[in-house]
């Protein structure tokens, strides 16, 4: 059984600036872009293991101790969502923990990713595939899962790396989240012109390489900030998104076809099991009937023996009277 990860951009429910804790939704029953959903009751049965070691790590990384940026003081299911209260290791010499706290507390949202084992799931029936393609119903519903880890997906703290990562990101959830971070960077860096901050950062680190790159990045950020996207560019974006979605659905359809073959094999195996069970039941019934007949025969033999013994005693002790002759 392989681990599955799902990323969820969470709205922060509560924030405590004094002890660096916050409550956030890390999963709900929203259908994701892959046509999958985790039933909220699926978490309830197996939360115990995570509660015994409730680490909050950075982007599913475990290579060094500083990858742990906090821990979950509690985690619970409420109002159709999996909610965690995280304690961040802020001001303890861990820059990733400081940055993760700043992203979540300043923007009021954070990207959390849950890693879990899928113990059971249900696939959509063929009649529901069209609605699933439109996002109205899921292709796959997880019904029993075990939470292994929760990660905060950290976008880069370096301004130029953040801007460059936007175009390279393939996961649309993270891409949209990164865009929201870019649009709100003035809250974190206390500047009204984030593009100038990127120029300064690039000119410090990559003077030779950065001339043309600075210009293109500045244009991208300015366009995002002012929300002045031309109609032709919007059509290209829509076309790219449509191509991405079509590719994903093609993969899903291939996957569903492979699953249908597995279903036929499973149906054959289940039919053999049913026939085997019916044969065992028939043999057991015949054995019971045979045992009942043998018991009945034994009882009849016993009764006949009693009758014969009684007749014998009567003949021995009661004389036979002769018939009178007139």
C-alpha atoms as a PDB file:
ATOM      1  CA  UNK A   1       0.000   0.000   0.000  1.00  0.00           C
ATOM      2  CA  UNK A   2       1.579   3.281  -1.136  1.00  0.00           C
ATOM      3  CA  UNK A   3       1.267   6.630   0.628  1.00  0.00           C
ATOM      4  CA  UNK A   4      -0.992   9.227  -1.019  1.00  0.00           C
ATOM      5  CA  UNK A   5      -0.533  12.993  -0.592  1.00  0.00           C
ATOM      6  CA  UNK A   6      -3.171  15.679  -1.065  1.00  0.00           C
ATOM      7  CA  UNK A   7      -2.567  19.449  -0.910  1.00  0.00           C
ATOM      8  CA  UNK A   8      -5.199  21.782   0.505  1.00  0.00           C
ATOM      9  CA  UNK A   9      -5.026  25.592   0.680  1.00  0.00           C
ATOM     10  CA  UNK A  10      -6.530  26.199   4.096  1.00  0.00           C
ATOM     11  CA  UNK A  11      -8.211  29.221   5.545  1.00  0.00           C
ATOM     12  CA  UNK A  12      -6.773  29.840   9.009  1.00  0.00           C
ATOM     13  CA  UNK A  13      -9.532  29.607  11.631  1.00  0.00           C
ATOM     14  CA  UNK A  14      -7.765  31.150  14.661  1.00  0.00           C
ATOM     15  CA  UNK A  15      -4.307  32.670  15.323  1.00  0.00           C
ATOM     16  CA  UNK A  16      -2.550  33.205  18.659  1.00  0.00           C
ATOM     17  CA  UNK A  17       0.426  35.519  18.147  1.00  0.00           C
ATOM     18  CA  UNK A  18       1.661  35.073  21.726  1.00  0.00           C
ATOM     19  CA  UNK A  19       2.317  31.329  21.705  1.00  0.00           C
ATOM     20  CA  UNK A  20       2.590  30.962  17.881  1.00  0.00           C
ATOM     21  CA  UNK A  21      -0.350  28.606  17.504  1.00  0.00           C
ATOM     22  CA  UNK A  22      -3.110  28.530  14.933  1.00  0.00           C
ATOM     23  CA  UNK A  23      -6.027  26.338  13.953  1.00  0.00           C
ATOM     24  CA  UNK A  24      -6.376  25.407  10.304  1.00  0.00           C
ATOM     25  CA  UNK A  25      -8.462  23.086   8.141  1.00  0.00           C
ATOM     26  CA  UNK A  26      -6.077  20.547   6.601  1.00  0.00           C
ATOM     27  CA  UNK A  27      -8.705  18.531   4.693  1.00  0.00           C
ATOM     28  CA  UNK A  28     -12.384  18.650   3.832  1.00  0.00           C
ATOM     29  CA  UNK A  29     -14.747  17.034   1.327  1.00  0.00           C
ATOM     30  CA  UNK A  30     -13.859  19.321  -1.579  1.00  0.00           C
ATOM     31  CA  UNK A  31     -13.338  17.439  -4.868  1.00  0.00           C
ATOM     32  CA  UNK A  32      -9.746  18.090  -5.969  1.00  0.00           C
ATOM     33  CA  UNK A  33      -8.481  18.661  -9.516  1.00  0.00           C
ATOM     34  CA  UNK A  34      -7.781  14.950  -9.934  1.00  0.00           C
ATOM     35  CA  UNK A  35     -11.451  14.144  -9.341  1.00  0.00           C
ATOM     36  CA  UNK A  36     -10.817  12.677  -5.881  1.00  0.00           C
ATOM     37  CA  UNK A  37     -12.264  13.412  -2.455  1.00  0.00           C
ATOM     38  CA  UNK A  38     -11.570  12.183   1.068  1.00  0.00           C
ATOM     39  CA  UNK A  39     -14.752  11.369   2.971  1.00  0.00           C
ATOM     40  CA  UNK A  40     -14.443  13.257   6.268  1.00  0.00           C
ATOM     41  CA  UNK A  41     -15.478  10.171   8.272  1.00  0.00           C
ATOM     42  CA  UNK A  42     -12.564   8.294   6.670  1.00  0.00           C
ATOM     43  CA  UNK A  43     -10.154  10.018   9.107  1.00  0.00           C
ATOM     44  CA  UNK A  44     -11.936   9.119  12.353  1.00  0.00           C
ATOM     45  CA  UNK A  45     -10.961   5.462  12.709  1.00  0.00           C
ATOM     46  CA  UNK A  46      -7.157   5.782  12.473  1.00  0.00           C
ATOM     47  CA  UNK A  47      -6.093   9.176  13.884  1.00  0.00           C
ATOM     48  CA  UNK A  48      -4.416   7.547  16.909  1.00  0.00           C
ATOM     49  CA  UNK A  49      -1.084   6.811  15.204  1.00  0.00           C
ATOM     50  CA  UNK A  50      -0.583  10.395  14.055  1.00  0.00           C
ATOM     51  CA  UNK A  51      -1.571  11.747  17.472  1.00  0.00           C
ATOM     52  CA  UNK A  52       1.273   9.727  19.019  1.00  0.00           C
ATOM     53  CA  UNK A  53       3.817  11.559  16.790  1.00  0.00           C
ATOM     54  CA  UNK A  54       2.060  14.700  15.458  1.00  0.00           C
ATOM     55  CA  UNK A  55       4.910  16.448  13.614  1.00  0.00           C
ATOM     56  CA  UNK A  56       4.429  19.370  11.213  1.00  0.00           C
ATOM     57  CA  UNK A  57       7.148  19.242   8.566  1.00  0.00           C
ATOM     58  CA  UNK A  58       8.172  21.439   5.666  1.00  0.00           C
ATOM     59  CA  UNK A  59       7.126  20.192   2.202  1.00  0.00           C
ATOM     60  CA  UNK A  60       7.361  16.468   3.088  1.00  0.00           C
ATOM     61  CA  UNK A  61      11.111  16.824   3.767  1.00  0.00           C
ATOM     62  CA  UNK A  62      12.866  14.747   6.432  1.00  0.00           C
ATOM     63  CA  UNK A  63      16.539  15.238   5.524  1.00  0.00           C
ATOM     64  CA  UNK A  64      17.409  17.399   8.524  1.00  0.00           C
ATOM     65  CA  UNK A  65      16.082  18.302  11.959  1.00  0.00           C
ATOM     66  CA  UNK A  66      15.069  21.815  10.886  1.00  0.00           C
ATOM     67  CA  UNK A  67      12.556  20.312   8.431  1.00  0.00           C
ATOM     68  CA  UNK A  68      10.243  19.945  11.421  1.00  0.00           C
ATOM     69  CA  UNK A  69       8.717  23.400  11.803  1.00  0.00           C
ATOM     70  CA  UNK A  70       6.202  22.557  14.535  1.00  0.00           C
ATOM     71  CA  UNK A  71       3.725  19.987  15.776  1.00  0.00           C
ATOM     72  CA  UNK A  72      -0.020  19.473  16.139  1.00  0.00           C
ATOM     73  CA  UNK A  73      -1.202  20.105  19.688  1.00  0.00           C
ATOM     74  CA  UNK A  74      -4.506  18.524  18.689  1.00  0.00           C
ATOM     75  CA  UNK A  75      -6.252  17.250  15.577  1.00  0.00           C
ATOM     76  CA  UNK A  76      -9.930  16.469  15.245  1.00  0.00           C
ATOM     77  CA  UNK A  77     -12.901  16.137  12.886  1.00  0.00           C
ATOM     78  CA  UNK A  78     -15.533  18.860  13.160  1.00  0.00           C
ATOM     79  CA  UNK A  79     -18.183  20.401  10.906  1.00  0.00           C
ATOM     80  CA  UNK A  80     -17.169  18.370   7.851  1.00  0.00           C
ATOM     81  CA  UNK A  81     -13.452  19.132   8.096  1.00  0.00           C
ATOM     82  CA  UNK A  82     -10.213  17.765   9.546  1.00  0.00           C
ATOM     83  CA  UNK A  83      -8.897  20.553  11.794  1.00  0.00           C
ATOM     84  CA  UNK A  84      -5.449  20.797  13.415  1.00  0.00           C
ATOM     85  CA  UNK A  85      -4.064  23.193  16.012  1.00  0.00           C
ATOM     86  CA  UNK A  86      -0.388  23.724  15.141  1.00  0.00           C
ATOM     87  CA  UNK A  87       2.362  25.028  17.400  1.00  0.00           C
ATOM     88  CA  UNK A  88       5.207  26.605  15.367  1.00  0.00           C
ATOM     89  CA  UNK A  89       8.875  26.656  16.470  1.00  0.00           C
ATOM     90  CA  UNK A  90       9.120  30.429  15.958  1.00  0.00           C
ATOM     91  CA  UNK A  91      12.226  32.295  17.169  1.00  0.00           C
ATOM     92  CA  UNK A  92      14.102  29.082  17.973  1.00  0.00           C
ATOM     93  CA  UNK A  93      16.765  29.334  15.266  1.00  0.00           C
ATOM     94  CA  UNK A  94      14.758  27.609  12.527  1.00  0.00           C
ATOM     95  CA  UNK A  95      14.229  29.961   9.536  1.00  0.00           C
ATOM     96  CA  UNK A  96      11.764  27.565   7.858  1.00  0.00           C
ATOM     97  CA  UNK A  97       9.561  27.556  10.965  1.00  0.00           C
ATOM     98  CA  UNK A  98       9.686  31.370  11.091  1.00  0.00           C
ATOM     99  CA  UNK A  99       8.787  31.637   7.387  1.00  0.00           C
ATOM    100  CA  UNK A 100       6.009  29.052   7.629  1.00  0.00           C
ATOM    101  CA  UNK A 101       4.446  30.954  10.545  1.00  0.00           C
ATOM    102  CA  UNK A 102       4.702  34.264   8.662  1.00  0.00           C
ATOM    103  CA  UNK A 103       2.995  32.835   5.560  1.00  0.00           C
ATOM    104  CA  UNK A 104       0.120  31.382   7.582  1.00  0.00           C
ATOM    105  CA  UNK A 105      -0.380  34.231  10.054  1.00  0.00           C
ATOM    106  CA  UNK A 106       0.064  37.194   7.684  1.00  0.00           C
ATOM    107  CA  UNK A 107      -1.997  35.886   4.754  1.00  0.00           C
ATOM    108  CA  UNK A 108      -4.717  34.120   6.703  1.00  0.00           C
ATOM    109  CA  UNK A 109      -4.212  30.974   4.642  1.00  0.00           C
ATOM    110  CA  UNK A 110      -1.560  28.306   4.130  1.00  0.00           C
ATOM    111  CA  UNK A 111      -1.013  25.309   1.870  1.00  0.00           C
ATOM    112  CA  UNK A 112      -1.064  22.089   3.899  1.00  0.00           C
ATOM    113  CA  UNK A 113      -0.455  18.632   2.461  1.00  0.00           C
ATOM    114  CA  UNK A 114      -1.647  15.430   4.149  1.00  0.00           C
ATOM    115  CA  UNK A 115       0.119  12.117   3.611  1.00  0.00           C
ATOM    116  CA  UNK A 116      -2.025   9.050   4.268  1.00  0.00           C
ATOM    117  CA  UNK A 117      -2.507   5.343   3.611  1.00  0.00           C
ATOM    118  CA  UNK A 118      -5.706   4.503   1.669  1.00  0.00           C
ATOM    119  CA  UNK A 119      -7.285   1.429   3.260  1.00  0.00           C
ATOM    120  CA  UNK A 120     -10.497   1.587   1.237  1.00  0.00           C
ATOM    121  CA  UNK A 121     -12.071   3.712  -1.468  1.00  0.00           C
ATOM    122  CA  UNK A 122     -14.995   3.716  -3.876  1.00  0.00           C
ATOM    123  CA  UNK A 123     -14.858   4.451  -7.601  1.00  0.00           C
ATOM    124  CA  UNK A 124     -17.566   6.319  -9.460  1.00  0.00           C
ATOM    125  CA  UNK A 125     -19.992   4.229 -11.475  1.00  0.00           C
ATOM    126  CA  UNK A 126     -19.793   4.559 -15.241  1.00  0.00           C
ATOM    127  CA  UNK A 127     -23.112   6.421 -15.347  1.00  0.00           C
ATOM    128  CA  UNK A 128     -21.556   9.171 -13.188  1.00  0.00           C
ATOM    129  CA  UNK A 129     -18.406   9.703 -15.294  1.00  0.00           C
ATOM    130  CA  UNK A 130     -19.777  12.694 -17.227  1.00  0.00           C
ATOM    131  CA  UNK A 131     -20.680  14.531 -14.017  1.00  0.00           C
ATOM    132  CA  UNK A 132     -17.280  13.596 -12.608  1.00  0.00           C
ATOM    133  CA  UNK A 133     -15.573  15.138 -15.624  1.00  0.00           C
ATOM    134  CA  UNK A 134     -17.430  18.370 -14.888  1.00  0.00           C
ATOM    135  CA  UNK A 135     -16.317  18.258 -11.260  1.00  0.00           C
ATOM    136  CA  UNK A 136     -19.823  17.680  -9.913  1.00  0.00           C
ATOM    137  CA  UNK A 137     -19.012  14.195  -8.605  1.00  0.00           C
ATOM    138  CA  UNK A 138     -15.709  12.519  -7.697  1.00  0.00           C
ATOM    139  CA  UNK A 139     -14.064   9.761  -9.708  1.00  0.00           C
ATOM    140  CA  UNK A 140     -12.649   8.330  -6.470  1.00  0.00           C
ATOM    141  CA  UNK A 141     -13.852   8.642  -2.863  1.00  0.00           C
ATOM    142  CA  UNK A 142     -11.548   7.570  -0.024  1.00  0.00           C
ATOM    143  CA  UNK A 143     -13.628   5.960   2.750  1.00  0.00           C
ATOM    144  CA  UNK A 144     -10.986   4.696   5.209  1.00  0.00           C
ATOM    145  CA  UNK A 145      -7.546   6.304   5.543  1.00  0.00           C
ATOM    146  CA  UNK A 146      -4.725   6.544   8.083  1.00  0.00           C
ATOM    147  CA  UNK A 147      -3.038   9.939   8.513  1.00  0.00           C
ATOM    148  CA  UNK A 148       0.763   9.609   8.479  1.00  0.00           C
ATOM    149  CA  UNK A 149       1.943  13.229   8.295  1.00  0.00           C
ATOM    150  CA  UNK A 150       0.971  16.830   7.756  1.00  0.00           C
ATOM    151  CA  UNK A 151       3.287  19.175   5.848  1.00  0.00           C
ATOM    152  CA  UNK A 152       3.115  22.873   5.225  1.00  0.00           C
ATOM    153  CA  UNK A 153       4.026  23.453   1.604  1.00  0.00           C
ATOM    154  CA  UNK A 154       6.379  26.433   1.794  1.00  0.00           C
ATOM    155  CA  UNK A 155       6.785  28.738  -1.157  1.00  0.00           C
ATOM    156  CA  UNK A 156      10.311  30.214  -1.392  1.00  0.00           C
ATOM    157  CA  UNK A 157      11.125  33.048   1.004  1.00  0.00           C
ATOM    158  CA  UNK A 158      13.624  34.506  -1.495  1.00  0.00           C
ATOM    159  CA  UNK A 159      11.701  37.072  -3.631  1.00  0.00           C
ATOM    160  CA  UNK A 160      13.309  36.221  -6.983  1.00  0.00           C
ATOM    161  CA  UNK A 161      12.978  32.465  -6.396  1.00  0.00           C
ATOM    162  CA  UNK A 162       9.312  33.004  -5.537  1.00  0.00           C
ATOM    163  CA  UNK A 163       8.618  34.870  -8.774  1.00  0.00           C
ATOM    164  CA  UNK A 164      10.503  32.325 -10.908  1.00  0.00           C
ATOM    165  CA  UNK A 165       8.820  29.345  -9.217  1.00  0.00           C
ATOM    166  CA  UNK A 166       5.387  30.573 -10.310  1.00  0.00           C
ATOM    167  CA  UNK A 167       5.864  29.617 -13.989  1.00  0.00           C
ATOM    168  CA  UNK A 168       7.682  26.364 -13.149  1.00  0.00           C
ATOM    169  CA  UNK A 169       5.007  25.033 -10.782  1.00  0.00           C
ATOM    170  CA  UNK A 170       2.854  22.219 -12.283  1.00  0.00           C
ATOM    171  CA  UNK A 171       0.448  21.668  -9.374  1.00  0.00           C
ATOM    172  CA  UNK A 172      -2.400  24.144  -9.967  1.00  0.00           C
ATOM    173  CA  UNK A 173      -3.261  24.253  -6.256  1.00  0.00           C
ATOM    174  CA  UNK A 174       0.254  25.402  -5.365  1.00  0.00           C
ATOM    175  CA  UNK A 175       0.391  27.659  -8.442  1.00  0.00           C
ATOM    176  CA  UNK A 176      -2.729  29.560  -7.381  1.00  0.00           C
ATOM    177  CA  UNK A 177      -1.466  29.731  -3.805  1.00  0.00           C
ATOM    178  CA  UNK A 178       1.914  31.099  -4.989  1.00  0.00           C
ATOM    179  CA  UNK A 179       0.097  33.719  -7.060  1.00  0.00           C
ATOM    180  CA  UNK A 180      -1.843  34.840  -3.997  1.00  0.00           C
ATOM    181  CA  UNK A 181       1.450  35.129  -2.091  1.00  0.00           C
ATOM    182  CA  UNK A 182       2.979  37.266  -4.879  1.00  0.00           C
ATOM    183  CA  UNK A 183      -0.070  39.535  -4.932  1.00  0.00           C
ATOM    184  CA  UNK A 184       0.132  40.054  -1.175  1.00  0.00           C
ATOM    185  CA  UNK A 185       3.892  40.267  -0.662  1.00  0.00           C
ATOM    186  CA  UNK A 186       3.702  43.893   0.501  1.00  0.00           C
ATOM    187  CA  UNK A 187       2.164  42.558   3.752  1.00  0.00           C
ATOM    188  CA  UNK A 188       5.183  40.373   4.457  1.00  0.00           C
ATOM    189  CA  UNK A 189       8.043  42.555   3.199  1.00  0.00           C
ATOM    190  CA  UNK A 190       6.432  45.904   4.114  1.00  0.00           C
ATOM    191  CA  UNK A 191       6.923  47.345   0.633  1.00  0.00           C
ATOM    192  CA  UNK A 192       4.494  48.820  -1.880  1.00  0.00           C
ATOM    193  CA  UNK A 193       6.476  47.662  -4.912  1.00  0.00           C
ATOM    194  CA  UNK A 194       7.327  43.943  -4.778  1.00  0.00           C
ATOM    195  CA  UNK A 195       8.769  44.083  -8.306  1.00  0.00           C
ATOM    196  CA  UNK A 196      11.478  46.525  -7.133  1.00  0.00           C
ATOM    197  CA  UNK A 197      12.309  44.097  -4.310  1.00  0.00           C
ATOM    198  CA  UNK A 198      12.780  41.326  -6.894  1.00  0.00           C
ATOM    199  CA  UNK A 199      15.016  43.597  -9.021  1.00  0.00           C
ATOM    200  CA  UNK A 200      17.166  44.388  -6.016  1.00  0.00           C
ATOM    201  CA  UNK A 201      17.393  40.709  -5.054  1.00  0.00           C
ATOM    202  CA  UNK A 202      18.316  39.587  -8.571  1.00  0.00           C
ATOM    203  CA  UNK A 203      20.857  42.350  -9.139  1.00  0.00           C
ATOM    204  CA  UNK A 204      22.575  41.339  -5.897  1.00  0.00           C
ATOM    205  CA  UNK A 205      22.817  37.627  -6.693  1.00  0.00           C
ATOM    206  CA  UNK A 206      22.824  37.331 -10.516  1.00  0.00           C
ATOM    207  CA  UNK A 207      24.072  40.590 -12.036  1.00  0.00           C
ATOM    208  CA  UNK A 208      25.344  39.070 -15.297  1.00  0.00           C
ATOM    209  CA  UNK A 209      22.546  36.601 -15.881  1.00  0.00           C
ATOM    210  CA  UNK A 210      19.696  38.703 -14.647  1.00  0.00           C
ATOM    211  CA  UNK A 211      19.334  41.573 -17.172  1.00  0.00           C
ATOM    212  CA  UNK A 212      16.690  40.114 -19.459  1.00  0.00           C
ATOM    213  CA  UNK A 213      15.283  37.894 -16.702  1.00  0.00           C
ATOM    214  CA  UNK A 214      14.697  40.916 -14.444  1.00  0.00           C
ATOM    215  CA  UNK A 215      12.727  42.652 -17.178  1.00  0.00           C
ATOM    216  CA  UNK A 216      10.487  39.647 -17.844  1.00  0.00           C
ATOM    217  CA  UNK A 217       9.878  39.003 -14.135  1.00  0.00           C
ATOM    218  CA  UNK A 218       9.080  42.665 -13.526  1.00  0.00           C
ATOM    219  CA  UNK A 219       6.520  42.557 -16.348  1.00  0.00           C
ATOM    220  CA  UNK A 220       4.949  39.372 -14.966  1.00  0.00           C
ATOM    221  CA  UNK A 221       4.649  40.760 -11.450  1.00  0.00           C
ATOM    222  CA  UNK A 222       3.383  44.153 -12.614  1.00  0.00           C
ATOM    223  CA  UNK A 223       0.746  42.455 -14.773  1.00  0.00           C
ATOM    224  CA  UNK A 224      -0.356  40.242 -11.871  1.00  0.00           C
ATOM    225  CA  UNK A 225      -0.396  43.153  -9.447  1.00  0.00           C
ATOM    226  CA  UNK A 226      -2.365  45.544 -11.697  1.00  0.00           C
ATOM    227  CA  UNK A 227      -4.609  42.714 -13.039  1.00  0.00           C
ATOM    228  CA  UNK A 228      -4.215  43.988 -16.611  1.00  0.00           C
ATOM    229  CA  UNK A 229      -4.025  40.734 -18.560  1.00  0.00           C
ATOM    230  CA  UNK A 230      -4.642  41.113 -22.261  1.00  0.00           C
ATOM    231  CA  UNK A 231      -7.375  39.113 -23.961  1.00  0.00           C
ATOM    232  CA  UNK A 232      -4.927  37.121 -26.125  1.00  0.00           C
ATOM    233  CA  UNK A 233      -2.841  36.204 -23.100  1.00  0.00           C
ATOM    234  CA  UNK A 234      -5.984  35.122 -21.274  1.00  0.00           C
ATOM    235  CA  UNK A 235      -6.938  32.865 -24.199  1.00  0.00           C
ATOM    236  CA  UNK A 236      -3.487  31.274 -24.072  1.00  0.00           C
ATOM    237  CA  UNK A 237      -3.857  30.713 -20.327  1.00  0.00           C
ATOM    238  CA  UNK A 238      -7.306  29.154 -20.830  1.00  0.00           C
ATOM    239  CA  UNK A 239      -5.947  26.947 -23.633  1.00  0.00           C
ATOM    240  CA  UNK A 240      -3.056  25.803 -21.438  1.00  0.00           C
ATOM    241  CA  UNK A 241      -5.433  25.018 -18.564  1.00  0.00           C
ATOM    242  CA  UNK A 242      -7.759  23.111 -20.923  1.00  0.00           C
ATOM    243  CA  UNK A 243      -4.809  21.119 -22.295  1.00  0.00           C
ATOM    244  CA  UNK A 244      -3.675  20.350 -18.745  1.00  0.00           C
ATOM    245  CA  UNK A 245      -7.168  19.208 -17.739  1.00  0.00           C
ATOM    246  CA  UNK A 246      -7.555  17.074 -20.908  1.00  0.00           C
ATOM    247  CA  UNK A 247      -4.207  15.402 -20.215  1.00  0.00           C
ATOM    248  CA  UNK A 248      -5.235  14.629 -16.646  1.00  0.00           C
ATOM    249  CA  UNK A 249      -8.572  13.199 -17.724  1.00  0.00           C
ATOM    250  CA  UNK A 250      -6.821  11.066 -20.351  1.00  0.00           C
ATOM    251  CA  UNK A 251      -4.643   9.631 -17.599  1.00  0.00           C
ATOM    252  CA  UNK A 252      -7.703   9.057 -15.405  1.00  0.00           C
ATOM    253  CA  UNK A 253      -9.567   7.298 -18.246  1.00  0.00           C
ATOM    254  CA  UNK A 254      -6.606   4.985 -18.867  1.00  0.00           C
ATOM    255  CA  UNK A 255      -6.499   4.291 -15.151  1.00  0.00           C
ATOM    256  CA  UNK A 256     -10.222   3.536 -15.050  1.00  0.00           C
ATOM    257  CA  UNK A 257      -9.849   1.154 -18.024  1.00  0.00           C
ATOM    258  CA  UNK A 258      -7.115  -0.739 -16.214  1.00  0.00           C
ATOM    259  CA  UNK A 259      -9.324  -0.912 -13.141  1.00  0.00           C
ATOM    260  CA  UNK A 260     -12.205  -2.377 -15.183  1.00  0.00           C
ATOM    261  CA  UNK A 261      -9.963  -5.334 -16.112  1.00  0.00           C
ATOM    262  CA  UNK A 262      -9.151  -5.812 -12.447  1.00  0.00           C
ATOM    263  CA  UNK A 263     -12.896  -5.683 -11.692  1.00  0.00           C
ATOM    264  CA  UNK A 264     -13.598  -8.535 -14.158  1.00  0.00           C
ATOM    265  CA  UNK A 265     -10.917 -10.687 -12.546  1.00  0.00           C
ATOM    266  CA  UNK A 266     -12.303  -9.805  -9.127  1.00  0.00           C
ATOM    267  CA  UNK A 267     -15.845 -10.707 -10.237  1.00  0.00           C
ATOM    268  CA  UNK A 268     -14.620 -14.106 -11.509  1.00  0.00           C
ATOM    269  CA  UNK A 269     -12.820 -14.757  -8.240  1.00  0.00           C
ATOM    270  CA  UNK A 270     -15.895 -13.746  -6.230  1.00  0.00           C
ATOM    271  CA  UNK A 271     -18.078 -16.055  -8.402  1.00  0.00           C
ATOM    272  CA  UNK A 272     -15.707 -18.969  -7.704  1.00  0.00           C
ATOM    273  CA  UNK A 273     -15.854 -18.162  -3.996  1.00  0.00           C
ATOM    274  CA  UNK A 274     -19.663 -18.128  -4.090  1.00  0.00           C
ATOM    275  CA  UNK A 275     -19.780 -21.487  -5.913  1.00  0.00           C
ATOM    276  CA  UNK A 276     -17.319 -22.954  -3.435  1.00  0.00           C
ATOM    277  CA  UNK A 277     -19.472 -21.700  -0.552  1.00  0.00           C
ATOM    278  CA  UNK A 278     -22.649 -23.131  -2.111  1.00  0.00           C
ATOM    279  CA  UNK A 279     -20.930 -26.536  -2.574  1.00  0.00           C
ATOM    280  CA  UNK A 280     -19.717 -26.530   1.036  1.00  0.00           C
ATOM    281  CA  UNK A 281     -23.223 -25.626   2.237  1.00  0.00           C
ATOM    282  CA  UNK A 282     -24.780 -28.421   0.149  1.00  0.00           C
ATOM    283  CA  UNK A 283     -22.286 -30.995   1.466  1.00  0.00           C
ATOM    284  CA  UNK A 284     -22.938 -29.876   5.026  1.00  0.00           C
ATOM    285  CA  UNK A 285     -26.703 -30.138   4.518  1.00  0.00           C
ATOM    286  CA  UNK A 286     -26.408 -33.636   3.041  1.00  0.00           C
ATOM    287  CA  UNK A 287     -24.212 -34.673   5.979  1.00  0.00           C
ATOM    288  CA  UNK A 288     -26.821 -33.368   8.430  1.00  0.00           C
ATOM    289  CA  UNK A 289     -29.598 -35.251   6.622  1.00  0.00           C
ATOM    290  CA  UNK A 290     -27.532 -38.455   6.643  1.00  0.00           C
ATOM    291  CA  UNK A 291     -26.783 -38.096  10.351  1.00  0.00           C
ATOM    292  CA  UNK A 292     -30.497 -37.516  11.048  1.00  0.00           C
ATOM    293  CA  UNK A 293     -31.490 -40.665   9.128  1.00  0.00           C
ATOM    294  CA  UNK A 294     -28.848 -42.757  10.909  1.00  0.00           C
ATOM    295  CA  UNK A 295     -30.087 -41.483  14.261  1.00  0.00           C
ATOM    296  CA  UNK A 296     -33.693 -42.271  13.302  1.00  0.00           C
ATOM    297  CA  UNK A 297     -32.687 -45.816  12.236  1.00  0.00           C
ATOM    298  CA  UNK A 298     -30.889 -46.343  15.553  1.00  0.00           C
ATOM    299  CA  UNK A 299     -33.998 -45.244  17.451  1.00  0.00           C
ATOM    300  CA  UNK A 300     -36.212 -47.607  15.405  1.00  0.00           C
ATOM    301  CA  UNK A 301     -33.836 -50.508  16.013  1.00  0.00           C
ATOM    302  CA  UNK A 302     -33.878 -49.756  19.722  1.00  0.00           C
ATOM    303  CA  UNK A 303     -37.696 -49.710  19.786  1.00  0.00           C
ATOM    304  CA  UNK A 304     -37.868 -53.010  17.861  1.00  0.00           C
ATOM    305  CA  UNK A 305     -35.446 -54.582  20.302  1.00  0.00           C
ATOM    306  CA  UNK A 306     -37.629 -53.446  23.208  1.00  0.00           C
ATOM    307  CA  UNK A 307     -40.721 -54.984  21.557  1.00  0.00           C
ATOM    308  CA  UNK A 308     -38.959 -58.302  20.885  1.00  0.00           C
ATOM    309  CA  UNK A 309     -37.609 -58.469  24.438  1.00  0.00           C
ATOM    310  CA  UNK A 310     -41.082 -57.751  25.813  1.00  0.00           C
ATOM    311  CA  UNK A 311     -42.686 -60.478  23.696  1.00  0.00           C
ATOM    312  CA  UNK A 312     -40.064 -62.943  24.829  1.00  0.00           C
ATOM    313  CA  UNK A 313     -40.731 -62.199  28.490  1.00  0.00           C
ATOM    314  CA  UNK A 314     -44.462 -62.543  27.985  1.00  0.00           C
ATOM    315  CA  UNK A 315     -44.082 -65.964  26.357  1.00  0.00           C
ATOM    316  CA  UNK A 316     -41.865 -67.229  29.150  1.00  0.00           C
ATOM    317  CA  UNK A 317     -44.013 -66.142  32.093  1.00  0.00           C
ATOM    318  CA  UNK A 318     -47.603 -66.220  30.872  1.00  0.00           C
ATOM    319  CA  UNK A 319     -48.937 -69.684  29.861  1.00  0.00           C
ATOM    320  CA  UNK A 320     -50.882 -69.968  26.696  1.00  0.00           C
ATOM    321  CA  UNK A 321     -54.546 -70.953  27.365  1.00  0.00           C
ATOM    322  CA  UNK A 322     -55.966 -73.621  25.122  1.00  0.00           C
ATOM    323  CA  UNK A 323     -59.145 -72.932  23.312  1.00  0.00           C
ATOM    324  CA  UNK A 324     -62.283 -74.572  24.757  1.00  0.00           C
ATOM    325  CA  UNK A 325     -63.933 -77.206  22.629  1.00  0.00           C
ATOM    326  CA  UNK A 326     -67.741 -77.640  22.896  1.00  0.00           C
END
